Amino acid sequence: MVEQVIDGDTIVIAGSEHVRYIGVDAPEVGEPFYLEAKQFNERMVVGKRVRLERDVSDRDSYGRLLRYVYVDGIFVNGELVRNGYAFAKRYPPDTKYQEYLEEMEREAKRLRKGPWQ
């Protein structure tokens, strides 16, 4: 269960465990689209049960779980990118869905979403 959204690419799940979405990079506080990205993420996941999928790495240098996140069968990482709220970003060795995420970024650019308006 998602208890809190920190920003566009980090959530807190039950047990106070922080989860960082793999393959995406959302704006930080003070950057353009930060609030929009956080709010989009909140609408998708807060209070909902999510399915977490691991790639190669378990945690990042900050101790956060690294995961692909799904809610009701929807790939949250991809939706953030497709809607212009996050950029596709490679974090080797965790690149299982990177080609898909990069395709979602191209679609966001083509449709002039987020920073490509």
PDB file of N, CA and C in Angstrom:
ATOM      1  N   MET A   1       0.852  -1.181   0.000  1.00  0.00           N
ATOM      2  CA  MET A   1       0.000   0.000   0.000  1.00  0.00           C
ATOM      3  C   MET A   1       0.897   1.244   0.000  1.00  0.00           C
ATOM      4  N   VAL A   2       0.596   2.183  -0.890  1.00  0.00           N
ATOM      5  CA  VAL A   2       1.379   3.414  -0.966  1.00  0.00           C
ATOM      6  C   VAL A   2       0.851   4.402   0.073  1.00  0.00           C
ATOM      7  N   GLU A   3       1.741   4.809   0.966  1.00  0.00           N
ATOM      8  CA  GLU A   3       1.373   5.726   2.043  1.00  0.00           C
ATOM      9  C   GLU A   3       1.629   7.183   1.680  1.00  0.00           C
ATOM     10  N   GLN A   4       2.655   7.420   0.857  1.00  0.00           N
ATOM     11  CA  GLN A   4       3.047   8.800   0.566  1.00  0.00           C
ATOM     12  C   GLN A   4       3.815   8.858  -0.743  1.00  0.00           C
ATOM     13  N   VAL A   5       3.675   9.994  -1.426  1.00  0.00           N
ATOM     14  CA  VAL A   5       4.483  10.279  -2.612  1.00  0.00           C
ATOM     15  C   VAL A   5       5.467  11.370  -2.228  1.00  0.00           C
ATOM     16  N   ILE A   6       6.734  11.096  -2.447  1.00  0.00           N
ATOM     17  CA  ILE A   6       7.780  12.076  -2.143  1.00  0.00           C
ATOM     18  C   ILE A   6       7.908  13.072  -3.292  1.00  0.00           C
ATOM     19  N   ASP A   7       7.919  12.541  -4.508  1.00  0.00           N
ATOM     20  CA  ASP A   7       8.007  13.367  -5.708  1.00  0.00           C
ATOM     21  C   ASP A   7       7.548  12.530  -6.894  1.00  0.00           C
ATOM     22  N   GLY A   8       7.961  12.884  -8.094  1.00  0.00           N
ATOM     23  CA  GLY A   8       7.508  12.169  -9.278  1.00  0.00           C
ATOM     24  C   GLY A   8       8.106  10.795  -9.473  1.00  0.00           C
ATOM     25  N   ASP A   9       9.162  10.459  -8.727  1.00  0.00           N
ATOM     26  CA  ASP A   9       9.773   9.149  -8.928  1.00  0.00           C
ATOM     27  C   ASP A   9      10.115   8.402  -7.641  1.00  0.00           C
ATOM     28  N   THR A  10       9.564   8.843  -6.517  1.00  0.00           N
ATOM     29  CA  THR A  10       9.830   8.167  -5.244  1.00  0.00           C
ATOM     30  C   THR A  10       8.560   8.138  -4.399  1.00  0.00           C
ATOM     31  N   ILE A  11       8.280   6.959  -3.837  1.00  0.00           N
ATOM     32  CA  ILE A  11       7.110   6.774  -2.982  1.00  0.00           C
ATOM     33  C   ILE A  11       7.523   6.118  -1.670  1.00  0.00           C
ATOM     34  N   VAL A  12       6.589   6.140  -0.715  1.00  0.00           N
ATOM     35  CA  VAL A  12       6.771   5.429   0.544  1.00  0.00           C
ATOM     36  C   VAL A  12       5.636   4.426   0.643  1.00  0.00           C
ATOM     37  N   ILE A  13       6.012   3.162   0.853  1.00  0.00           N
ATOM     38  CA  ILE A  13       5.007   2.109   0.967  1.00  0.00           C
ATOM     39  C   ILE A  13       4.876   1.699   2.440  1.00  0.00           C
ATOM     40  N   ALA A  14       3.910   0.833   2.718  1.00  0.00           N
ATOM     41  CA  ALA A  14       3.690   0.344   4.082  1.00  0.00           C
ATOM     42  C   ALA A  14       5.012  -0.115   4.682  1.00  0.00           C
ATOM     43  N   GLY A  15       5.182   0.183   5.951  1.00  0.00           N
ATOM     44  CA  GLY A  15       6.428  -0.151   6.620  1.00  0.00           C
ATOM     45  C   GLY A  15       7.468   0.947   6.491  1.00  0.00           C
ATOM     46  N   SER A  16       7.058   2.090   5.951  1.00  0.00           N
ATOM     47  CA  SER A  16       7.933   3.264   5.769  1.00  0.00           C
ATOM     48  C   SER A  16       9.108   2.996   4.832  1.00  0.00           C
ATOM     49  N   GLU A  17       8.942   2.048   3.935  1.00  0.00           N
ATOM     50  CA  GLU A  17       9.991   1.715   2.956  1.00  0.00           C
ATOM     51  C   GLU A  17       9.898   2.676   1.773  1.00  0.00           C
ATOM     52  N   HIS A  18      11.015   3.338   1.455  1.00  0.00           N
ATOM     53  CA  HIS A  18      11.074   4.236   0.297  1.00  0.00           C
ATOM     54  C   HIS A  18      11.371   3.420  -0.952  1.00  0.00           C
ATOM     55  N   VAL A  19      10.653   3.740  -2.031  1.00  0.00           N
ATOM     56  CA  VAL A  19      10.821   3.052  -3.312  1.00  0.00           C
ATOM     57  C   VAL A  19      11.124   4.089  -4.378  1.00  0.00           C
ATOM     58  N   ARG A  20      12.215   3.885  -5.086  1.00  0.00           N
ATOM     59  CA  ARG A  20      12.625   4.762  -6.201  1.00  0.00           C
ATOM     60  C   ARG A  20      12.308   4.044  -7.499  1.00  0.00           C
ATOM     61  N   TYR A  21      11.547   4.716  -8.383  1.00  0.00           N
ATOM     62  CA  TYR A  21      11.193   4.113  -9.670  1.00  0.00           C
ATOM     63  C   TYR A  21      12.444   3.960 -10.538  1.00  0.00           C
ATOM     64  N   ILE A  22      12.580   2.800 -11.153  1.00  0.00           N
ATOM     65  CA  ILE A  22      13.723   2.529 -12.036  1.00  0.00           C
ATOM     66  C   ILE A  22      13.465   3.130 -13.411  1.00  0.00           C
ATOM     67  N   GLY A  23      14.527   3.643 -14.030  1.00  0.00           N
ATOM     68  CA  GLY A  23      14.489   4.044 -15.433  1.00  0.00           C
ATOM     69  C   GLY A  23      13.892   5.404 -15.723  1.00  0.00           C
ATOM     70  N   VAL A  24      13.550   6.150 -14.682  1.00  0.00           N
ATOM     71  CA  VAL A  24      12.966   7.469 -14.890  1.00  0.00           C
ATOM     72  C   VAL A  24      13.608   8.487 -13.958  1.00  0.00           C
ATOM     73  N   ASP A  25      13.510   9.735 -14.346  1.00  0.00           N
ATOM     74  CA  ASP A  25      13.999  10.829 -13.520  1.00  0.00           C
ATOM     75  C   ASP A  25      12.980  11.955 -13.600  1.00  0.00           C
ATOM     76  N   ALA A  26      12.344  12.236 -12.480  1.00  0.00           N
ATOM     77  CA  ALA A  26      11.333  13.298 -12.425  1.00  0.00           C
ATOM     78  C   ALA A  26      11.949  14.560 -11.832  1.00  0.00           C
ATOM     79  N   PRO A  27      11.354  15.714 -12.104  1.00  0.00           N
ATOM     80  CA  PRO A  27      11.881  16.981 -11.577  1.00  0.00           C
ATOM     81  C   PRO A  27      11.950  17.002 -10.050  1.00  0.00           C
ATOM     82  N   GLU A  28      12.972  17.678  -9.553  1.00  0.00           N
ATOM     83  CA  GLU A  28      13.157  17.855  -8.113  1.00  0.00           C
ATOM     84  C   GLU A  28      12.488  19.157  -7.669  1.00  0.00           C
ATOM     85  N   VAL A  29      12.354  19.331  -6.363  1.00  0.00           N
ATOM     86  CA  VAL A  29      11.764  20.550  -5.797  1.00  0.00           C
ATOM     87  C   VAL A  29      12.444  21.776  -6.407  1.00  0.00           C
ATOM     88  N   GLY A  30      11.635  22.733  -6.854  1.00  0.00           N
ATOM     89  CA  GLY A  30      12.166  23.962  -7.429  1.00  0.00           C
ATOM     90  C   GLY A  30      12.364  23.901  -8.939  1.00  0.00           C
ATOM     91  N   GLU A  31      12.286  22.713  -9.522  1.00  0.00           N
ATOM     92  CA  GLU A  31      12.436  22.580 -10.977  1.00  0.00           C
ATOM     93  C   GLU A  31      11.064  22.624 -11.648  1.00  0.00           C
ATOM     94  N   PRO A  32      11.021  23.053 -12.931  1.00  0.00           N
ATOM     95  CA  PRO A  32       9.745  23.068 -13.651  1.00  0.00           C
ATOM     96  C   PRO A  32       9.094  21.680 -13.662  1.00  0.00           C
ATOM     97  N   PHE A  33       7.802  21.651 -13.495  1.00  0.00           N
ATOM     98  CA  PHE A  33       6.974  20.442 -13.525  1.00  0.00           C
ATOM     99  C   PHE A  33       7.124  19.551 -12.298  1.00  0.00           C
ATOM    100  N   TYR A  34       7.847  20.019 -11.257  1.00  0.00           N
ATOM    101  CA  TYR A  34       7.975  19.219 -10.031  1.00  0.00           C
ATOM    102  C   TYR A  34       6.598  18.927  -9.440  1.00  0.00           C
ATOM    103  N   LEU A  35       5.818  19.978  -9.201  1.00  0.00           N
ATOM    104  CA  LEU A  35       4.531  19.812  -8.547  1.00  0.00           C
ATOM    105  C   LEU A  35       3.581  18.974  -9.402  1.00  0.00           C
ATOM    106  N   GLU A  36       3.575  19.233 -10.690  1.00  0.00           N
ATOM    107  CA  GLU A  36       2.708  18.470 -11.592  1.00  0.00           C
ATOM    108  C   GLU A  36       3.072  16.978 -11.578  1.00  0.00           C
ATOM    109  N   ALA A  37       4.372  16.683 -11.587  1.00  0.00           N
ATOM    110  CA  ALA A  37       4.828  15.287 -11.565  1.00  0.00           C
ATOM    111  C   ALA A  37       4.425  14.614 -10.260  1.00  0.00           C
ATOM    112  N   LYS A  38       4.621  15.310  -9.151  1.00  0.00           N
ATOM    113  CA  LYS A  38       4.259  14.754  -7.843  1.00  0.00           C
ATOM    114  C   LYS A  38       2.755  14.500  -7.775  1.00  0.00           C
ATOM    115  N   GLN A  39       1.959  15.464  -8.227  1.00  0.00           N
ATOM    116  CA  GLN A  39       0.504  15.317  -8.176  1.00  0.00           C
ATOM    117  C   GLN A  39       0.013  14.189  -9.085  1.00  0.00           C
ATOM    118  N   PHE A  40       0.611  14.048 -10.255  1.00  0.00           N
ATOM    119  CA  PHE A  40       0.240  12.957 -11.164  1.00  0.00           C
ATOM    120  C   PHE A  40       0.542  11.619 -10.495  1.00  0.00           C
ATOM    121  N   ASN A  41       1.715  11.511  -9.901  1.00  0.00           N
ATOM    122  CA  ASN A  41       2.114  10.300  -9.202  1.00  0.00           C
ATOM    123  C   ASN A  41       1.144  10.009  -8.052  1.00  0.00           C
ATOM    124  N   GLU A  42       0.782  11.039  -7.301  1.00  0.00           N
ATOM    125  CA  GLU A  42      -0.173  10.865  -6.192  1.00  0.00           C
ATOM    126  C   GLU A  42      -1.508  10.330  -6.702  1.00  0.00           C
ATOM    127  N   ARG A  43      -2.005  10.903  -7.779  1.00  0.00           N
ATOM    128  CA  ARG A  43      -3.297  10.449  -8.330  1.00  0.00           C
ATOM    129  C   ARG A  43      -3.226   8.985  -8.749  1.00  0.00           C
ATOM    130  N   MET A  44      -2.074   8.564  -9.211  1.00  0.00           N
ATOM    131  CA  MET A  44      -1.943   7.179  -9.671  1.00  0.00           C
ATOM    132  C   MET A  44      -1.816   6.172  -8.531  1.00  0.00           C
ATOM    133  N   VAL A  45      -1.081   6.524  -7.460  1.00  0.00           N
ATOM    134  CA  VAL A  45      -0.704   5.474  -6.510  1.00  0.00           C
ATOM    135  C   VAL A  45      -1.100   5.637  -5.042  1.00  0.00           C
ATOM    136  N   VAL A  46      -1.350   6.849  -4.561  1.00  0.00           N
ATOM    137  CA  VAL A  46      -1.591   7.028  -3.117  1.00  0.00           C
ATOM    138  C   VAL A  46      -2.799   6.222  -2.654  1.00  0.00           C
ATOM    139  N   GLY A  47      -2.596   5.483  -1.578  1.00  0.00           N
ATOM    140  CA  GLY A  47      -3.658   4.683  -0.999  1.00  0.00           C
ATOM    141  C   GLY A  47      -3.963   3.400  -1.744  1.00  0.00           C
ATOM    142  N   LYS A  48      -3.171   3.116  -2.764  1.00  0.00           N
ATOM    143  CA  LYS A  48      -3.429   1.920  -3.581  1.00  0.00           C
ATOM    144  C   LYS A  48      -2.370   0.852  -3.343  1.00  0.00           C
ATOM    145  N   ARG A  49      -2.790  -0.372  -3.621  1.00  0.00           N
ATOM    146  CA  ARG A  49      -1.850  -1.485  -3.602  1.00  0.00           C
ATOM    147  C   ARG A  49      -1.066  -1.456  -4.898  1.00  0.00           C
ATOM    148  N   VAL A  50       0.240  -1.596  -4.792  1.00  0.00           N
ATOM    149  CA  VAL A  50       1.069  -1.609  -5.984  1.00  0.00           C
ATOM    150  C   VAL A  50       1.827  -2.927  -6.055  1.00  0.00           C
ATOM    151  N   ARG A  51       2.175  -3.290  -7.268  1.00  0.00           N
ATOM    152  CA  ARG A  51       3.048  -4.446  -7.480  1.00  0.00           C
ATOM    153  C   ARG A  51       4.423  -3.895  -7.814  1.00  0.00           C
ATOM    154  N   LEU A  52       5.432  -4.424  -7.149  1.00  0.00           N
ATOM    155  CA  LEU A  52       6.802  -3.973  -7.360  1.00  0.00           C
ATOM    156  C   LEU A  52       7.589  -5.048  -8.080  1.00  0.00           C
ATOM    157  N   GLU A  53       8.352  -4.630  -9.099  1.00  0.00           N
ATOM    158  CA  GLU A  53       9.179  -5.559  -9.856  1.00  0.00           C
ATOM    159  C   GLU A  53      10.632  -5.110  -9.769  1.00  0.00           C
ATOM    160  N   ARG A  54      11.478  -6.023  -9.380  1.00  0.00           N
ATOM    161  CA  ARG A  54      12.908  -5.746  -9.254  1.00  0.00           C
ATOM    162  C   ARG A  54      13.599  -5.994 -10.592  1.00  0.00           C
ATOM    163  N   ASP A  55      14.682  -5.264 -10.831  1.00  0.00           N
ATOM    164  CA  ASP A  55      15.547  -5.533 -11.985  1.00  0.00           C
ATOM    165  C   ASP A  55      16.796  -6.204 -11.417  1.00  0.00           C
ATOM    166  N   VAL A  56      17.976  -5.684 -11.675  1.00  0.00           N
ATOM    167  CA  VAL A  56      19.215  -6.294 -11.188  1.00  0.00           C
ATOM    168  C   VAL A  56      19.526  -5.845  -9.756  1.00  0.00           C
ATOM    169  N   SER A  57      19.505  -4.537  -9.535  1.00  0.00           N
ATOM    170  CA  SER A  57      19.862  -3.976  -8.233  1.00  0.00           C
ATOM    171  C   SER A  57      18.668  -4.012  -7.282  1.00  0.00           C
ATOM    172  N   ASP A  58      18.958  -4.177  -5.996  1.00  0.00           N
ATOM    173  CA  ASP A  58      17.891  -4.164  -5.002  1.00  0.00           C
ATOM    174  C   ASP A  58      17.663  -2.761  -4.458  1.00  0.00           C
ATOM    175  N   ARG A  59      18.778  -2.046  -4.140  1.00  0.00           N
ATOM    176  CA  ARG A  59      18.678  -0.720  -3.529  1.00  0.00           C
ATOM    177  C   ARG A  59      19.679   0.246  -4.153  1.00  0.00           C
ATOM    178  N   ASP A  60      19.360   1.552  -4.012  1.00  0.00           N
ATOM    179  CA  ASP A  60      20.297   2.573  -4.485  1.00  0.00           C
ATOM    180  C   ASP A  60      21.210   2.997  -3.333  1.00  0.00           C
ATOM    181  N   SER A  61      22.065   3.966  -3.587  1.00  0.00           N
ATOM    182  CA  SER A  61      23.036   4.402  -2.578  1.00  0.00           C
ATOM    183  C   SER A  61      22.384   5.086  -1.375  1.00  0.00           C
ATOM    184  N   TYR A  62      21.100   5.456  -1.502  1.00  0.00           N
ATOM    185  CA  TYR A  62      20.373   6.074  -0.392  1.00  0.00           C
ATOM    186  C   TYR A  62      19.562   5.045   0.402  1.00  0.00           C
ATOM    187  N   GLY A  63      19.655   3.781   0.024  1.00  0.00           N
ATOM    188  CA  GLY A  63      18.937   2.726   0.717  1.00  0.00           C
ATOM    189  C   GLY A  63      17.514   2.506   0.248  1.00  0.00           C
ATOM    190  N   ARG A  64      17.103   3.212  -0.802  1.00  0.00           N
ATOM    191  CA  ARG A  64      15.740   3.048  -1.318  1.00  0.00           C
ATOM    192  C   ARG A  64      15.654   1.784  -2.177  1.00  0.00           C
ATOM    193  N   LEU A  65      14.514   1.117  -2.108  1.00  0.00           N
ATOM    194  CA  LEU A  65      14.278  -0.010  -3.014  1.00  0.00           C
ATOM    195  C   LEU A  65      14.214   0.536  -4.433  1.00  0.00           C
ATOM    196  N   LEU A  66      14.791  -0.162  -5.377  1.00  0.00           N
ATOM    197  CA  LEU A  66      14.707   0.204  -6.797  1.00  0.00           C
ATOM    198  C   LEU A  66      13.717  -0.743  -7.449  1.00  0.00           C
ATOM    199  N   ARG A  67      12.637  -0.180  -8.001  1.00  0.00           N
ATOM    200  CA  ARG A  67      11.586  -1.042  -8.543  1.00  0.00           C
ATOM    201  C   ARG A  67      10.856  -0.411  -9.728  1.00  0.00           C
ATOM    202  N   TYR A  68      10.300  -1.303 -10.554  1.00  0.00           N
ATOM    203  CA  TYR A  68       9.294  -0.923 -11.529  1.00  0.00           C
ATOM    204  C   TYR A  68       7.985  -1.055 -10.757  1.00  0.00           C
ATOM    205  N   VAL A  69       7.077  -0.096 -10.917  1.00  0.00           N
ATOM    206  CA  VAL A  69       5.868  -0.049 -10.094  1.00  0.00           C
ATOM    207  C   VAL A  69       4.630  -0.154 -10.990  1.00  0.00           C
ATOM    208  N   TYR A  70       3.689  -0.985 -10.554  1.00  0.00           N
ATOM    209  CA  TYR A  70       2.440  -1.191 -11.279  1.00  0.00           C
ATOM    210  C   TYR A  70       1.266  -0.985 -10.330  1.00  0.00           C
ATOM    211  N   VAL A  71       0.220  -0.333 -10.824  1.00  0.00           N
ATOM    212  CA  VAL A  71      -1.019  -0.191 -10.069  1.00  0.00           C
ATOM    213  C   VAL A  71      -2.167  -0.556 -11.006  1.00  0.00           C
ATOM    214  N   ASP A  72      -2.990  -1.493 -10.575  1.00  0.00           N
ATOM    215  CA  ASP A  72      -4.110  -1.966 -11.405  1.00  0.00           C
ATOM    216  C   ASP A  72      -3.647  -2.347 -12.806  1.00  0.00           C
ATOM    217  N   GLY A  73      -2.479  -2.976 -12.919  1.00  0.00           N
ATOM    218  CA  GLY A  73      -1.948  -3.425 -14.205  1.00  0.00           C
ATOM    219  C   GLY A  73      -1.299  -2.337 -15.045  1.00  0.00           C
ATOM    220  N   ILE A  74      -1.246  -1.111 -14.538  1.00  0.00           N
ATOM    221  CA  ILE A  74      -0.655   0.012 -15.283  1.00  0.00           C
ATOM    222  C   ILE A  74       0.780   0.211 -14.823  1.00  0.00           C
ATOM    223  N   PHE A  75       1.688   0.339 -15.797  1.00  0.00           N
ATOM    224  CA  PHE A  75       3.112   0.537 -15.533  1.00  0.00           C
ATOM    225  C   PHE A  75       3.334   2.007 -15.197  1.00  0.00           C
ATOM    226  N   VAL A  76       3.441   2.311 -13.910  1.00  0.00           N
ATOM    227  CA  VAL A  76       3.519   3.694 -13.438  1.00  0.00           C
ATOM    228  C   VAL A  76       4.747   4.412 -13.999  1.00  0.00           C
ATOM    229  N   ASN A  77       5.899   3.758 -14.006  1.00  0.00           N
ATOM    230  CA  ASN A  77       7.117   4.385 -14.530  1.00  0.00           C
ATOM    231  C   ASN A  77       6.871   4.887 -15.950  1.00  0.00           C
ATOM    232  N   GLY A  78       6.277   4.034 -16.782  1.00  0.00           N
ATOM    233  CA  GLY A  78       6.008   4.385 -18.172  1.00  0.00           C
ATOM    234  C   GLY A  78       4.979   5.491 -18.320  1.00  0.00           C
ATOM    235  N   GLU A  79       3.947   5.488 -17.485  1.00  0.00           N
ATOM    236  CA  GLU A  79       2.909   6.519 -17.567  1.00  0.00           C
ATOM    237  C   GLU A  79       3.466   7.896 -17.212  1.00  0.00           C
ATOM    238  N   LEU A  80       4.361   7.939 -16.229  1.00  0.00           N
ATOM    239  CA  LEU A  80       4.994   9.210 -15.875  1.00  0.00           C
ATOM    240  C   LEU A  80       5.753   9.789 -17.068  1.00  0.00           C
ATOM    241  N   VAL A  81       6.483   8.937 -17.761  1.00  0.00           N
ATOM    242  CA  VAL A  81       7.269   9.389 -18.921  1.00  0.00           C
ATOM    243  C   VAL A  81       6.343   9.739 -20.081  1.00  0.00           C
ATOM    244  N   ARG A  82       5.390   8.869 -20.376  1.00  0.00           N
ATOM    245  CA  ARG A  82       4.478   9.073 -21.511  1.00  0.00           C
ATOM    246  C   ARG A  82       3.686  10.371 -21.386  1.00  0.00           C
ATOM    247  N   ASN A  83       3.394  10.769 -20.163  1.00  0.00           N
ATOM    248  CA  ASN A  83       2.619  11.989 -19.935  1.00  0.00           C
ATOM    249  C   ASN A  83       3.487  13.225 -19.694  1.00  0.00           C
ATOM    250  N   GLY A  84       4.792  13.097 -19.841  1.00  0.00           N
ATOM    251  CA  GLY A  84       5.689  14.250 -19.749  1.00  0.00           C
ATOM    252  C   GLY A  84       6.050  14.679 -18.338  1.00  0.00           C
ATOM    253  N   TYR A  85       5.850  13.794 -17.353  1.00  0.00           N
ATOM    254  CA  TYR A  85       6.163  14.143 -15.966  1.00  0.00           C
ATOM    255  C   TYR A  85       7.513  13.615 -15.507  1.00  0.00           C
ATOM    256  N   ALA A  86       8.160  12.803 -16.327  1.00  0.00           N
ATOM    257  CA  ALA A  86       9.488  12.273 -16.007  1.00  0.00           C
ATOM    258  C   ALA A  86      10.219  11.995 -17.307  1.00  0.00           C
ATOM    259  N   PHE A  87      11.525  11.971 -17.207  1.00  0.00           N
ATOM    260  CA  PHE A  87      12.374  11.643 -18.350  1.00  0.00           C
ATOM    261  C   PHE A  87      12.807  10.189 -18.237  1.00  0.00           C
ATOM    262  N   ALA A  88      12.967   9.532 -19.381  1.00  0.00           N
ATOM    263  CA  ALA A  88      13.563   8.203 -19.382  1.00  0.00           C
ATOM    264  C   ALA A  88      15.060   8.387 -19.107  1.00  0.00           C
ATOM    265  N   LYS A  89      15.578   7.640 -18.164  1.00  0.00           N
ATOM    266  CA  LYS A  89      16.994   7.771 -17.828  1.00  0.00           C
ATOM    267  C   LYS A  89      17.572   6.407 -17.483  1.00  0.00           C
ATOM    268  N   ARG A  90      18.671   6.086 -18.141  1.00  0.00           N
ATOM    269  CA  ARG A  90      19.328   4.794 -17.904  1.00  0.00           C
ATOM    270  C   ARG A  90      20.104   4.816 -16.602  1.00  0.00           C
ATOM    271  N   TYR A  91      19.895   3.766 -15.819  1.00  0.00           N
ATOM    272  CA  TYR A  91      20.651   3.548 -14.593  1.00  0.00           C
ATOM    273  C   TYR A  91      21.172   2.108 -14.626  1.00  0.00           C
ATOM    274  N   PRO A  92      22.221   1.862 -15.464  1.00  0.00           N
ATOM    275  CA  PRO A  92      22.743   0.496 -15.549  1.00  0.00           C
ATOM    276  C   PRO A  92      23.152  -0.013 -14.161  1.00  0.00           C
ATOM    277  N   PRO A  93      22.968  -1.271 -13.905  1.00  0.00           N
ATOM    278  CA  PRO A  93      22.558  -2.340 -14.819  1.00  0.00           C
ATOM    279  C   PRO A  93      21.043  -2.535 -14.917  1.00  0.00           C
ATOM    280  N   ASP A  94      20.265  -1.647 -14.343  1.00  0.00           N
ATOM    281  CA  ASP A  94      18.809  -1.813 -14.301  1.00  0.00           C
ATOM    282  C   ASP A  94      18.154  -1.193 -15.533  1.00  0.00           C
ATOM    283  N   THR A  95      18.138  -1.936 -16.625  1.00  0.00           N
ATOM    284  CA  THR A  95      17.674  -1.383 -17.905  1.00  0.00           C
ATOM    285  C   THR A  95      16.657  -2.294 -18.625  1.00  0.00           C
ATOM    286  N   LYS A  96      16.011  -3.164 -17.899  1.00  0.00           N
ATOM    287  CA  LYS A  96      15.094  -4.132 -18.500  1.00  0.00           C
ATOM    288  C   LYS A  96      14.051  -3.492 -19.415  1.00  0.00           C
ATOM    289  N   TYR A  97      13.478  -2.358 -19.008  1.00  0.00           N
ATOM    290  CA  TYR A  97      12.418  -1.713 -19.786  1.00  0.00           C
ATOM    291  C   TYR A  97      12.860  -0.383 -20.394  1.00  0.00           C
ATOM    292  N   GLN A  98      14.157  -0.178 -20.506  1.00  0.00           N
ATOM    293  CA  GLN A  98      14.638   1.128 -20.938  1.00  0.00           C
ATOM    294  C   GLN A  98      14.211   1.495 -22.351  1.00  0.00           C
ATOM    295  N   GLU A  99      14.226   0.548 -23.254  1.00  0.00           N
ATOM    296  CA  GLU A  99      13.791   0.858 -24.627  1.00  0.00           C
ATOM    297  C   GLU A  99      12.333   1.309 -24.636  1.00  0.00           C
ATOM    298  N   TYR A 100      11.497   0.651 -23.864  1.00  0.00           N
ATOM    299  CA  TYR A 100      10.084   1.039 -23.772  1.00  0.00           C
ATOM    300  C   TYR A 100       9.961   2.447 -23.184  1.00  0.00           C
ATOM    301  N   LEU A 101      10.684   2.724 -22.115  1.00  0.00           N
ATOM    302  CA  LEU A 101      10.617   4.042 -21.483  1.00  0.00           C
ATOM    303  C   LEU A 101      11.102   5.131 -22.434  1.00  0.00           C
ATOM    304  N   GLU A 102      12.131   4.843 -23.218  1.00  0.00           N
ATOM    305  CA  GLU A 102      12.616   5.817 -24.198  1.00  0.00           C
ATOM    306  C   GLU A 102      11.595   6.044 -25.299  1.00  0.00           C
ATOM    307  N   GLU A 103      10.861   5.013 -25.666  1.00  0.00           N
ATOM    308  CA  GLU A 103       9.785   5.160 -26.650  1.00  0.00           C
ATOM    309  C   GLU A 103       8.675   6.043 -26.073  1.00  0.00           C
ATOM    310  N   MET A 104       8.372   5.867 -24.796  1.00  0.00           N
ATOM    311  CA  MET A 104       7.356   6.702 -24.143  1.00  0.00           C
ATOM    312  C   MET A 104       7.799   8.166 -24.110  1.00  0.00           C
ATOM    313  N   GLU A 105       9.085   8.409 -23.956  1.00  0.00           N
ATOM    314  CA  GLU A 105       9.590   9.781 -23.976  1.00  0.00           C
ATOM    315  C   GLU A 105       9.460  10.384 -25.377  1.00  0.00           C
ATOM    316  N   ARG A 106       9.758   9.592 -26.397  1.00  0.00           N
ATOM    317  CA  ARG A 106       9.587  10.086 -27.769  1.00  0.00           C
ATOM    318  C   ARG A 106       8.122  10.443 -28.041  1.00  0.00           C
ATOM    319  N   GLU A 107       7.205   9.626 -27.497  1.00  0.00           N
ATOM    320  CA  GLU A 107       5.777   9.904 -27.671  1.00  0.00           C
ATOM    321  C   GLU A 107       5.398  11.210 -26.965  1.00  0.00           C
ATOM    322  N   ALA A 108       5.910  11.419 -25.750  1.00  0.00           N
ATOM    323  CA  ALA A 108       5.624  12.653 -25.014  1.00  0.00           C
ATOM    324  C   ALA A 108       6.135  13.866 -25.789  1.00  0.00           C
ATOM    325  N   LYS A 109       7.311  13.743 -26.387  1.00  0.00           N
ATOM    326  CA  LYS A 109       7.866  14.840 -27.189  1.00  0.00           C
ATOM    327  C   LYS A 109       6.983  15.102 -28.406  1.00  0.00           C
ATOM    328  N   ARG A 110       6.603  14.026 -29.084  1.00  0.00           N
ATOM    329  CA  ARG A 110       5.776  14.149 -30.274  1.00  0.00           C
ATOM    330  C   ARG A 110       4.441  14.812 -29.962  1.00  0.00           C
ATOM    331  N   LEU A 111       3.870  14.479 -28.801  1.00  0.00           N
ATOM    332  CA  LEU A 111       2.569  15.019 -28.397  1.00  0.00           C
ATOM    333  C   LEU A 111       2.712  16.328 -27.620  1.00  0.00           C
ATOM    334  N   ARG A 112       3.944  16.794 -27.470  1.00  0.00           N
ATOM    335  CA  ARG A 112       4.253  18.068 -26.807  1.00  0.00           C
ATOM    336  C   ARG A 112       3.705  18.122 -25.378  1.00  0.00           C
ATOM    337  N   LYS A 113       4.040  17.092 -24.603  1.00  0.00           N
ATOM    338  CA  LYS A 113       3.610  17.017 -23.212  1.00  0.00           C
ATOM    339  C   LYS A 113       4.750  17.421 -22.281  1.00  0.00           C
ATOM    340  N   GLY A 114       4.379  17.930 -21.113  1.00  0.00           N
ATOM    341  CA  GLY A 114       5.382  18.297 -20.112  1.00  0.00           C
ATOM    342  C   GLY A 114       6.350  19.348 -20.639  1.00  0.00           C
ATOM    343  N   PRO A 115       7.647  19.112 -20.493  1.00  0.00           N
ATOM    344  CA  PRO A 115       8.630  20.123 -20.891  1.00  0.00           C
ATOM    345  C   PRO A 115       8.716  20.341 -22.397  1.00  0.00           C
ATOM    346  N   TRP A 116       8.037  19.512 -23.174  1.00  0.00           N
ATOM    347  CA  TRP A 116       8.075  19.651 -24.641  1.00  0.00           C
ATOM    348  C   TRP A 116       6.869  20.403 -25.184  1.00  0.00           C
ATOM    349  N   GLN A 117       6.134  21.120 -24.322  1.00  0.00           N
ATOM    350  CA  GLN A 117       4.943  21.867 -24.763  1.00  0.00           C
ATOM    351  C   GLN A 117       5.332  22.991 -25.692  1.00  0.00           C
TER     352      GLN A 117
END
